[in-house]
Amino acid sequence: MSSDIDDRLSELERGLKQLNQKVEQLIERKPGKDDWLKTVGWAKNDPYYAKAEKLGREYRERDRRRTLKKLDAGS
């Protein structure tokens, strides 16, 4: 029983060590010159992204109209 727990603990410690090493690599990594190219088009044909984009546009339009009304009322 104790051996099983020791084995599982050792496995968890190895996994944690690997995870910490990966995090350190990501923290130290400097963005490459063309990294932005990897993200271009990532949301193409994604219905959730399209919905979020539509909702954001509608929100900005409503906010713009409210702001213009306030500005007109203050003149």
N, C-alpha and C. Protein backbone atom coordinates (compact mmCIF):
# COMPACT_ATOMS: atom_id res chain seq x y z
N MET A 1 0.83 -1.18 0.00
CA MET A 1 0.00 0.00 0.00
C MET A 1 0.87 1.25 0.00
N SER A 2 1.82 1.32 0.90
CA SER A 2 2.70 2.48 1.00
C SER A 2 3.52 2.65 -0.28
N SER A 3 3.90 1.53 -0.86
CA SER A 3 4.69 1.57 -2.10
C SER A 3 3.85 2.18 -3.23
N ASP A 4 2.58 1.84 -3.28
CA ASP A 4 1.68 2.38 -4.31
C ASP A 4 1.55 3.90 -4.15
N ILE A 5 1.41 4.35 -2.94
CA ILE A 5 1.30 5.79 -2.68
C ILE A 5 2.61 6.49 -3.04
N ASP A 6 3.73 5.87 -2.67
CA ASP A 6 5.04 6.44 -3.00
C ASP A 6 5.22 6.54 -4.51
N ASP A 7 4.80 5.50 -5.23
CA ASP A 7 4.91 5.51 -6.70
C ASP A 7 4.05 6.63 -7.30
N ARG A 8 2.83 6.75 -6.80
CA ARG A 8 1.94 7.79 -7.31
C ARG A 8 2.48 9.19 -7.00
N LEU A 9 3.02 9.35 -5.80
CA LEU A 9 3.60 10.63 -5.41
C LEU A 9 4.80 10.97 -6.29
N SER A 10 5.64 9.99 -6.55
CA SER A 10 6.80 10.21 -7.42
C SER A 10 6.36 10.62 -8.82
N GLU A 11 5.32 9.97 -9.33
CA GLU A 11 4.80 10.29 -10.66
C GLU A 11 4.25 11.73 -10.68
N LEU A 12 3.53 12.09 -9.65
CA LEU A 12 3.00 13.46 -9.56
C LEU A 12 4.14 14.48 -9.49
N GLU A 13 5.16 14.18 -8.73
CA GLU A 13 6.30 15.10 -8.60
C GLU A 13 7.01 15.26 -9.94
N ARG A 14 7.16 14.17 -10.69
CA ARG A 14 7.79 14.25 -12.02
C ARG A 14 6.93 15.11 -12.96
N GLY A 15 5.64 14.87 -12.92
CA GLY A 15 4.73 15.66 -13.76
C GLY A 15 4.76 17.14 -13.40
N LEU A 16 4.79 17.44 -12.13
CA LEU A 16 4.85 18.83 -11.68
C LEU A 16 6.16 19.48 -12.10
N LYS A 17 7.24 18.74 -12.01
CA LYS A 17 8.54 19.27 -12.43
C LYS A 17 8.52 19.59 -13.93
N GLN A 18 7.96 18.69 -14.74
CA GLN A 18 7.88 18.93 -16.18
C GLN A 18 6.99 20.14 -16.47
N LEU A 19 5.90 20.25 -15.76
CA LEU A 19 4.98 21.38 -15.95
C LEU A 19 5.67 22.69 -15.59
N ASN A 20 6.38 22.71 -14.49
CA ASN A 20 7.11 23.91 -14.09
C ASN A 20 8.16 24.29 -15.11
N GLN A 21 8.86 23.31 -15.67
CA GLN A 21 9.86 23.58 -16.70
C GLN A 21 9.21 24.20 -17.94
N LYS A 22 8.06 23.68 -18.33
CA LYS A 22 7.35 24.20 -19.49
C LYS A 22 6.89 25.64 -19.24
N VAL A 23 6.38 25.91 -18.06
CA VAL A 23 5.96 27.27 -17.72
C VAL A 23 7.15 28.22 -17.78
N GLU A 24 8.28 27.81 -17.24
CA GLU A 24 9.47 28.65 -17.28
C GLU A 24 9.89 28.93 -18.72
N GLN A 25 9.82 27.92 -19.59
CA GLN A 25 10.17 28.12 -21.00
C GLN A 25 9.23 29.14 -21.64
N LEU A 26 7.94 29.03 -21.33
CA LEU A 26 6.97 29.96 -21.91
C LEU A 26 7.18 31.38 -21.40
N ILE A 27 7.54 31.51 -20.13
CA ILE A 27 7.78 32.83 -19.55
C ILE A 27 9.00 33.48 -20.19
N GLU A 28 10.04 32.70 -20.40
CA GLU A 28 11.29 33.22 -20.94
C GLU A 28 11.24 33.44 -22.45
N ARG A 29 10.28 32.83 -23.12
CA ARG A 29 10.20 32.90 -24.58
C ARG A 29 9.89 34.32 -25.04
N LYS A 30 10.62 34.77 -26.00
CA LYS A 30 10.37 36.07 -26.61
C LYS A 30 9.59 35.83 -27.90
N PRO A 31 8.60 36.67 -28.17
CA PRO A 31 7.81 36.47 -29.40
C PRO A 31 8.68 36.59 -30.64
N GLY A 32 8.41 35.73 -31.58
CA GLY A 32 9.12 35.77 -32.85
C GLY A 32 8.58 36.85 -33.74
N LYS A 33 9.35 37.21 -34.72
CA LYS A 33 8.98 38.30 -35.64
C LYS A 33 7.64 38.02 -36.34
N ASP A 34 7.41 36.79 -36.72
CA ASP A 34 6.22 36.44 -37.50
C ASP A 34 5.18 35.64 -36.70
N ASP A 35 5.23 35.72 -35.37
CA ASP A 35 4.27 34.96 -34.55
C ASP A 35 2.83 35.32 -34.87
N TRP A 36 2.59 36.57 -35.22
CA TRP A 36 1.21 37.00 -35.50
C TRP A 36 0.62 36.22 -36.66
N LEU A 37 1.47 35.71 -37.55
CA LEU A 37 0.96 34.96 -38.70
C LEU A 37 0.29 33.65 -38.28
N LYS A 38 0.68 33.13 -37.12
CA LYS A 38 0.10 31.88 -36.63
C LYS A 38 -1.35 32.06 -36.19
N THR A 39 -1.74 33.30 -35.89
CA THR A 39 -3.10 33.53 -35.40
C THR A 39 -4.05 34.06 -36.48
N VAL A 40 -3.52 34.47 -37.60
CA VAL A 40 -4.36 35.01 -38.66
C VAL A 40 -5.30 33.92 -39.15
N GLY A 41 -6.57 34.22 -39.15
CA GLY A 41 -7.56 33.29 -39.66
C GLY A 41 -8.00 32.20 -38.69
N TRP A 42 -7.54 32.26 -37.46
CA TRP A 42 -7.87 31.18 -36.52
C TRP A 42 -9.37 31.08 -36.24
N ALA A 43 -10.10 32.17 -36.40
CA ALA A 43 -11.52 32.14 -36.09
C ALA A 43 -12.40 32.02 -37.33
N LYS A 44 -11.80 31.79 -38.47
CA LYS A 44 -12.56 31.70 -39.71
C LYS A 44 -13.60 30.57 -39.59
N ASN A 45 -14.82 30.91 -39.93
CA ASN A 45 -15.95 29.97 -39.91
C ASN A 45 -16.28 29.45 -38.51
N ASP A 46 -15.88 30.18 -37.48
CA ASP A 46 -16.21 29.80 -36.11
C ASP A 46 -17.49 30.54 -35.71
N PRO A 47 -18.60 29.83 -35.54
CA PRO A 47 -19.87 30.49 -35.25
C PRO A 47 -19.86 31.25 -33.92
N TYR A 48 -19.12 30.76 -32.93
CA TYR A 48 -19.07 31.45 -31.65
C TYR A 48 -18.31 32.77 -31.77
N TYR A 49 -17.24 32.77 -32.54
CA TYR A 49 -16.49 34.00 -32.75
C TYR A 49 -17.33 35.00 -33.53
N ALA A 50 -18.02 34.52 -34.54
CA ALA A 50 -18.87 35.40 -35.34
C ALA A 50 -19.96 36.03 -34.46
N LYS A 51 -20.53 35.25 -33.57
CA LYS A 51 -21.56 35.76 -32.66
C LYS A 51 -20.96 36.81 -31.72
N ALA A 52 -19.79 36.53 -31.16
CA ALA A 52 -19.14 37.49 -30.27
C ALA A 52 -18.81 38.78 -31.02
N GLU A 53 -18.36 38.66 -32.24
CA GLU A 53 -18.04 39.83 -33.05
C GLU A 53 -19.30 40.66 -33.31
N LYS A 54 -20.41 39.99 -33.62
CA LYS A 54 -21.68 40.68 -33.88
C LYS A 54 -22.17 41.39 -32.63
N LEU A 55 -22.11 40.71 -31.49
CA LEU A 55 -22.56 41.32 -30.24
C LEU A 55 -21.68 42.51 -29.86
N GLY A 56 -20.39 42.40 -30.09
CA GLY A 56 -19.49 43.51 -29.81
C GLY A 56 -19.79 44.71 -30.69
N ARG A 57 -20.06 44.46 -31.96
CA ARG A 57 -20.39 45.54 -32.89
C ARG A 57 -21.68 46.22 -32.46
N GLU A 58 -22.70 45.43 -32.11
CA GLU A 58 -23.97 45.99 -31.67
C GLU A 58 -23.80 46.83 -30.40
N TYR A 59 -22.99 46.34 -29.47
CA TYR A 59 -22.75 47.07 -28.24
C TYR A 59 -22.08 48.42 -28.53
N ARG A 60 -21.08 48.42 -29.38
CA ARG A 60 -20.37 49.66 -29.71
C ARG A 60 -21.31 50.65 -30.42
N GLU A 61 -22.17 50.13 -31.28
CA GLU A 61 -23.12 51.01 -31.97
C GLU A 61 -24.10 51.65 -30.99
N ARG A 62 -24.63 50.85 -30.05
CA ARG A 62 -25.54 51.39 -29.03
C ARG A 62 -24.82 52.43 -28.18
N ASP A 63 -23.61 52.13 -27.78
CA ASP A 63 -22.84 53.05 -26.96
C ASP A 63 -22.56 54.35 -27.72
N ARG A 64 -22.25 54.23 -28.99
CA ARG A 64 -21.99 55.41 -29.82
C ARG A 64 -23.24 56.29 -29.90
N ARG A 65 -24.42 55.66 -30.10
CA ARG A 65 -25.66 56.43 -30.17
C ARG A 65 -25.97 57.13 -28.85
N ARG A 66 -25.77 56.42 -27.73
CA ARG A 66 -26.00 57.02 -26.41
C ARG A 66 -25.07 58.21 -26.18
N THR A 67 -23.83 58.05 -26.55
CA THR A 67 -22.86 59.13 -26.37
C THR A 67 -23.24 60.34 -27.22
N LEU A 68 -23.65 60.10 -28.46
CA LEU A 68 -24.05 61.21 -29.33
C LEU A 68 -25.28 61.92 -28.78
N LYS A 69 -26.23 61.17 -28.21
CA LYS A 69 -27.42 61.79 -27.61
C LYS A 69 -27.01 62.68 -26.45
N LYS A 70 -26.10 62.19 -25.61
CA LYS A 70 -25.64 62.98 -24.46
C LYS A 70 -24.93 64.24 -24.93
N LEU A 71 -24.12 64.11 -25.94
CA LEU A 71 -23.40 65.28 -26.47
C LEU A 71 -24.37 66.29 -27.06
N ASP A 72 -25.38 65.80 -27.79
CA ASP A 72 -26.38 66.69 -28.40
C ASP A 72 -27.20 67.38 -27.32
N ALA A 73 -27.52 66.66 -26.25
CA ALA A 73 -28.32 67.22 -25.16
C ALA A 73 -27.52 68.29 -24.42
N GLY A 74 -26.23 68.16 -24.37
CA GLY A 74 -25.40 69.10 -23.64
C GLY A 74 -25.10 70.36 -24.45
N SER A 75 -25.37 70.36 -25.73
CA SER A 75 -25.05 71.53 -26.57
C SER A 75 -26.09 72.59 -26.47
